Each structure stands twice: as C-alpha cells, then as structure tokens.
C-alpha cells in the first residue's frame, strides 16, 4: 500500500466483503457450493427444534437421493452409476467426497460425462454440520435451489427459508461488522490514498454505514442497484 501510494491517489478494493467474511471451502471439494463463511456462528439444533423442525442428520446434512433423482440425472446410465457409487440410496463411503469422484474418473474416463452430475449431487444438502461444534449447523448456500429443499413439506420449507435468512442476514452481523472494521482500519492506517470499495454481492445491512463511517467510497452501478 505504501508503494502504491507513490503512484496513485485512489485505490479500488476488490470484493471488500472479503474483509468482513471470506468463503472457506474444504480441501476435498472441487466446487464452492459446500463452503461456509469464515468467521461464522453456526445455528444450534435447538433453534430448529424450537421452530418446529427436528434435524435428522441423514435428511438434512447428507445428499438427498431418490430413484427419480438418479433417473433424471443419469438416464440410461442410472443403473451403472448406482452400482458404482451408491448403496441404499446413499453415496458409498469411498465416493463421499468430490475429490474421490474426481479420482475415480481420472483412472476410469469412459463415462466422464457423468462426473459433474455426481459432483453436484453431493451438494444436494440443506445444512453443513460445524466441524468444531457437533449439533450446530451452517446453511448450504443457495439451499432453495436444491431438490432436497423442494422435497420438504410446506411447513418445513417455510421454517427453513426464514432461518436461512436469519442465519445469513441477521445472526452474523455483529461478528462480521467487527471483523471488517478491524481489517479496514489496519488498511487505512497504511496509506493516504482514497479507498474505493467494490461492495457488490450478498451485502450485509451494515455495509453502507461502515464504509461511510470509515470514509471509504462505495461502488454504485446503475444496472445493479443494491436496493431492490
């Protein structure tokens, strides 16, 4: 930052949201869908129970697989895929990660056109159990698009939708605000350049206020209004 200040009067911070929370993806994943924000406060099972939804680990945290889903994904290859990768409507332990599926097709490329569908089927979950706090859960990003969510009874869909919004847009706010202010203040202390923030994406409600208080410009794109 000090060196850049020798040449420029203003600097653009790309994806300033990453200073508040960053997307974390397990090493065994090939795509980011099963990641979680770091830091983040997981939601306790008691919260779901108090709202009328009992967390069945297999139903909520494991890939939701039915005969219909297998047929729609694999067509004429459904029987082959089931015999290799599945047992009792669940992924075999040997193929329970995206890395394991990628390794299989690296040495068995004859049906590689099925790899992406198998990878994505592993993401057909609603919740991700916190690795440090058993019985506490993070919501799978874009949960509403999954076949698992669509198959829930209407009441459970309604509760899960409400708690999803609470998890992403309310419960984390104090934690993320403090995290971002700490890092942005450290950044500001290194330079006299005008800081301009690219703040598009899943924008927390405090973002405009924090940037204003810190004297950091916010990106305004007419075709992408933050206020729906």
Protein backbone atom coordinates (compact mmCIF):
# COMPACT_ATOMS: atom_id res chain seq x y z
CA UNK A 1 0.00 0.00 0.00
CA UNK A 2 2.85 2.37 0.82
CA UNK A 3 4.49 1.68 -2.55
CA UNK A 4 1.23 2.11 -4.48
CA UNK A 5 0.76 5.45 -2.72
CA UNK A 6 3.84 6.72 -4.56
CA UNK A 7 1.93 6.46 -7.85
CA UNK A 8 -1.79 6.73 -7.14
CA UNK A 9 -4.23 8.98 -5.28
CA UNK A 10 -7.04 6.42 -5.07
CA UNK A 11 -7.24 2.63 -4.98
CA UNK A 12 -10.09 0.19 -5.54
CA UNK A 13 -10.54 -2.62 -3.02
CA UNK A 14 -11.92 -5.56 -4.94
CA UNK A 15 -14.64 -7.51 -3.10
CA UNK A 16 -14.44 -5.57 0.15
CA UNK A 17 -16.93 -8.07 1.59
CA UNK A 18 -13.99 -10.44 1.95
CA UNK A 19 -12.59 -8.19 4.68
CA UNK A 20 -15.73 -8.92 6.73
CA UNK A 21 -16.04 -12.66 5.98
CA UNK A 22 -14.36 -14.94 3.49
CA UNK A 23 -15.70 -18.07 1.77
CA UNK A 24 -13.98 -21.23 3.02
CA UNK A 25 -14.04 -24.47 1.03
CA UNK A 26 -12.93 -27.88 2.40
CA UNK A 27 -9.92 -29.36 0.59
CA UNK A 28 -11.90 -32.40 -0.53
CA UNK A 29 -14.34 -30.22 -2.51
CA UNK A 30 -13.92 -29.34 -6.17
CA UNK A 31 -16.61 -26.62 -6.29
CA UNK A 32 -17.52 -23.99 -3.72
CA UNK A 33 -21.13 -24.91 -3.04
CA UNK A 34 -20.41 -26.75 0.22
CA UNK A 35 -18.29 -23.95 1.65
CA UNK A 36 -19.13 -21.70 4.58
CA UNK A 37 -18.23 -18.15 5.54
CA UNK A 38 -15.35 -17.67 7.96
CA UNK A 39 -15.88 -16.48 10.58
CA UNK A 40 -19.49 -17.54 11.10
CA UNK A 41 -21.69 -18.52 14.02
CA UNK A 42 -23.39 -21.89 13.39
CA UNK A 43 -27.04 -22.34 14.31
CA UNK A 44 -27.75 -24.75 17.17
CA UNK A 45 -30.10 -27.70 16.67
CA UNK A 46 -32.26 -26.24 19.47
CA UNK A 47 -33.11 -23.26 17.25
CA UNK A 48 -34.55 -25.56 14.61
CA UNK A 49 -36.37 -27.62 17.23
CA UNK A 50 -37.90 -24.50 18.79
CA UNK A 51 -39.22 -23.55 15.36
CA UNK A 52 -40.83 -26.93 14.75
CA UNK A 53 -38.17 -28.63 12.62
CA UNK A 54 -36.31 -31.66 14.00
CA UNK A 55 -32.86 -32.08 12.46
CA UNK A 56 -32.46 -35.58 11.04
CA UNK A 57 -28.75 -35.65 10.11
CA UNK A 58 -29.23 -38.02 7.17
CA UNK A 59 -32.10 -36.00 5.73
CA UNK A 60 -30.67 -32.53 6.22
CA UNK A 61 -26.88 -32.98 6.03
CA UNK A 62 -26.43 -35.88 3.63
CA UNK A 63 -27.14 -35.79 -0.14
CA UNK A 64 -30.85 -36.28 -0.81
CA UNK A 65 -31.09 -39.12 -3.33
CA UNK A 66 -34.16 -40.85 -4.75
CA UNK A 67 -34.73 -43.20 -7.69
CA UNK A 68 -36.36 -40.31 -9.55
CA UNK A 69 -33.34 -38.07 -9.00
CA UNK A 70 -30.99 -40.79 -10.22
CA UNK A 71 -33.07 -41.39 -13.35
CA UNK A 72 -33.36 -37.69 -14.16
CA UNK A 73 -29.62 -37.14 -13.71
CA UNK A 74 -28.19 -40.26 -15.32
CA UNK A 75 -30.85 -41.60 -17.69
CA UNK A 76 -29.67 -44.81 -19.34
CA UNK A 77 -26.56 -44.74 -17.14
CA UNK A 78 -28.54 -44.73 -13.89
CA UNK A 79 -28.00 -48.44 -13.15
CA UNK A 80 -24.26 -48.20 -13.88
CA UNK A 81 -23.91 -45.11 -11.68
CA UNK A 82 -25.90 -46.69 -8.86
CA UNK A 83 -23.82 -49.90 -8.86
CA UNK A 84 -20.53 -47.98 -8.77
CA UNK A 85 -21.24 -45.02 -6.49
CA UNK A 86 -24.34 -45.75 -4.39
CA UNK A 87 -25.65 -48.12 -1.79
CA UNK A 88 -29.06 -47.96 -0.11
CA UNK A 89 -29.81 -44.60 -1.78
CA UNK A 90 -26.64 -43.01 -0.41
CA UNK A 91 -23.13 -42.45 -1.71
CA UNK A 92 -20.72 -45.23 -0.79
CA UNK A 93 -18.13 -44.11 1.75
CA UNK A 94 -15.40 -44.45 -0.89
CA UNK A 95 -17.13 -41.79 -3.04
CA UNK A 96 -18.48 -39.44 -0.39
CA UNK A 97 -16.28 -36.51 -1.45
CA UNK A 98 -15.90 -34.63 -4.70
CA UNK A 99 -12.17 -35.36 -4.69
CA UNK A 100 -12.85 -39.11 -4.54
CA UNK A 101 -15.21 -38.90 -7.52
CA UNK A 102 -12.64 -36.88 -9.49
CA UNK A 103 -10.00 -39.51 -8.69
CA UNK A 104 -12.29 -42.28 -9.97
CA UNK A 105 -12.81 -40.62 -13.34
CA UNK A 106 -9.11 -39.80 -13.64
CA UNK A 107 -8.48 -43.54 -13.94
CA UNK A 108 -11.86 -44.52 -15.44
CA UNK A 109 -12.57 -41.86 -18.08
CA UNK A 110 -15.04 -43.83 -20.21
CA UNK A 111 -18.12 -42.19 -18.64
CA UNK A 112 -16.54 -38.91 -17.62
CA UNK A 113 -19.60 -37.01 -18.85
CA UNK A 114 -21.29 -38.16 -15.61
CA UNK A 115 -18.65 -36.67 -13.31
CA UNK A 116 -20.15 -33.20 -12.98
CA UNK A 117 -23.62 -34.55 -12.20
CA UNK A 118 -22.19 -36.80 -9.49
CA UNK A 119 -20.20 -33.90 -8.06
CA UNK A 120 -23.31 -31.72 -7.93
CA UNK A 121 -25.44 -34.49 -6.43
CA UNK A 122 -23.09 -34.46 -3.45
CA UNK A 123 -24.15 -30.84 -2.86
CA UNK A 124 -27.87 -31.73 -2.66
CA UNK A 125 -27.96 -30.96 1.07
CA UNK A 126 -29.63 -28.37 3.28
CA UNK A 127 -27.19 -27.98 6.17
CA UNK A 128 -23.48 -28.41 6.85
CA UNK A 129 -22.63 -29.53 10.37
CA UNK A 130 -19.94 -27.43 12.02
CA UNK A 131 -16.71 -29.41 12.31
CA UNK A 132 -15.83 -27.93 15.71
CA UNK A 133 -19.30 -27.86 17.30
CA UNK A 134 -21.37 -31.02 16.73
CA UNK A 135 -25.09 -30.29 16.73
CA UNK A 136 -24.53 -26.83 15.25
CA UNK A 137 -25.16 -26.11 11.58
CA UNK A 138 -24.40 -23.77 8.69
CA UNK A 139 -26.88 -23.37 5.85
CA UNK A 140 -25.85 -24.62 2.44
CA UNK A 141 -25.60 -21.58 0.17
CA UNK A 142 -28.49 -21.33 -2.34
CA UNK A 143 -30.35 -24.00 -0.39
CA UNK A 144 -33.61 -23.12 -2.13
CA UNK A 145 -32.36 -24.41 -5.49
CA UNK A 146 -31.76 -27.96 -4.23
CA UNK A 147 -34.04 -30.93 -4.84
CA UNK A 148 -33.65 -31.63 -1.14
CA UNK A 149 -35.32 -28.34 -0.21
CA UNK A 150 -38.08 -28.73 -2.80
CA UNK A 151 -38.96 -32.15 -1.38
CA UNK A 152 -39.59 -30.82 2.14
CA UNK A 153 -43.16 -30.44 3.40
CA UNK A 154 -44.51 -26.90 3.01
CA UNK A 155 -44.23 -26.09 6.74
CA UNK A 156 -40.57 -27.16 6.90
CA UNK A 157 -39.77 -25.21 3.73
CA UNK A 158 -41.25 -22.09 5.32
CA UNK A 159 -39.25 -22.51 8.54
CA UNK A 160 -36.01 -23.31 6.75
CA UNK A 161 -36.44 -20.30 4.48
CA UNK A 162 -36.93 -17.99 7.46
CA UNK A 163 -33.98 -19.43 9.39
CA UNK A 164 -31.79 -19.28 6.26
CA UNK A 165 -32.37 -15.53 6.05
CA UNK A 166 -31.81 -15.15 9.78
CA UNK A 167 -28.51 -17.05 9.56
CA UNK A 168 -27.08 -15.09 6.62
CA UNK A 169 -28.55 -11.62 7.17
CA UNK A 170 -29.02 -11.21 10.95
CA UNK A 171 -27.13 -13.66 13.17
CA UNK A 172 -23.66 -12.89 11.76
CA UNK A 173 -23.93 -9.10 11.55
CA UNK A 174 -22.16 -8.10 14.78
CA UNK A 175 -19.36 -10.59 14.21
CA UNK A 176 -18.81 -9.61 10.59
CA UNK A 177 -19.02 -5.86 11.27
CA UNK A 178 -16.33 -6.05 13.95
CA UNK A 179 -14.13 -8.22 11.74
CA UNK A 180 -14.36 -5.84 8.79
CA UNK A 181 -13.79 -2.64 10.77
CA UNK A 182 -10.65 -4.12 12.36
CA UNK A 183 -9.13 -5.04 8.98
CA UNK A 184 -10.18 -1.91 7.10
CA UNK A 185 -8.80 0.33 9.84
CA UNK A 186 -5.50 -1.53 9.55
CA UNK A 187 -5.56 -0.94 5.79
CA UNK A 188 -6.41 2.76 6.15
CA UNK A 189 -3.53 3.28 8.56
CA UNK A 190 -1.03 2.36 5.84
CA UNK A 191 -1.94 4.98 3.24
CA UNK A 192 -3.29 8.42 2.40
CA UNK A 193 -4.89 7.14 -0.82
CA UNK A 194 -8.64 7.43 -1.20
CA UNK A 195 -10.10 3.95 -0.68
CA UNK A 196 -12.90 2.89 -3.04
CA UNK A 197 -14.75 -0.32 -2.19
CA UNK A 198 -16.34 -2.79 -4.62
CA UNK A 199 -19.19 -3.90 -2.38
CA UNK A 200 -21.45 -5.97 -4.63
CA UNK A 201 -22.79 -9.40 -3.70
CA UNK A 202 -24.61 -10.64 -0.57
CA UNK A 203 -24.31 -7.23 1.08
CA UNK A 204 -24.96 -7.14 4.87
CA UNK A 205 -27.23 -4.35 6.11
CA UNK A 206 -24.40 -2.60 7.94
CA UNK A 207 -22.12 -2.25 4.92
CA UNK A 208 -23.11 1.24 3.74
CA UNK A 209 -22.94 2.61 7.30
CA UNK A 210 -19.49 1.11 7.99
CA UNK A 211 -17.99 2.37 4.73
CA UNK A 212 -19.45 5.82 5.34
CA UNK A 213 -18.06 5.97 8.88
CA UNK A 214 -14.62 4.91 7.62
CA UNK A 215 -14.67 7.41 4.75
CA UNK A 216 -14.45 4.69 2.10
CA UNK A 217 -16.35 5.20 -1.15
CA UNK A 218 -18.98 2.63 -2.13
CA UNK A 219 -19.36 1.37 -5.69
CA UNK A 220 -22.65 2.36 -7.34
CA UNK A 221 -23.61 0.57 -10.56
CA UNK A 222 -26.87 1.82 -12.08
CA UNK A 223 -27.78 -1.53 -13.61
CA UNK A 224 -27.09 -3.37 -10.33
CA UNK A 225 -28.95 -1.41 -7.62
CA UNK A 226 -28.44 -2.64 -4.06
CA UNK A 227 -31.95 -1.55 -3.13
CA UNK A 228 -34.29 -3.98 -4.91
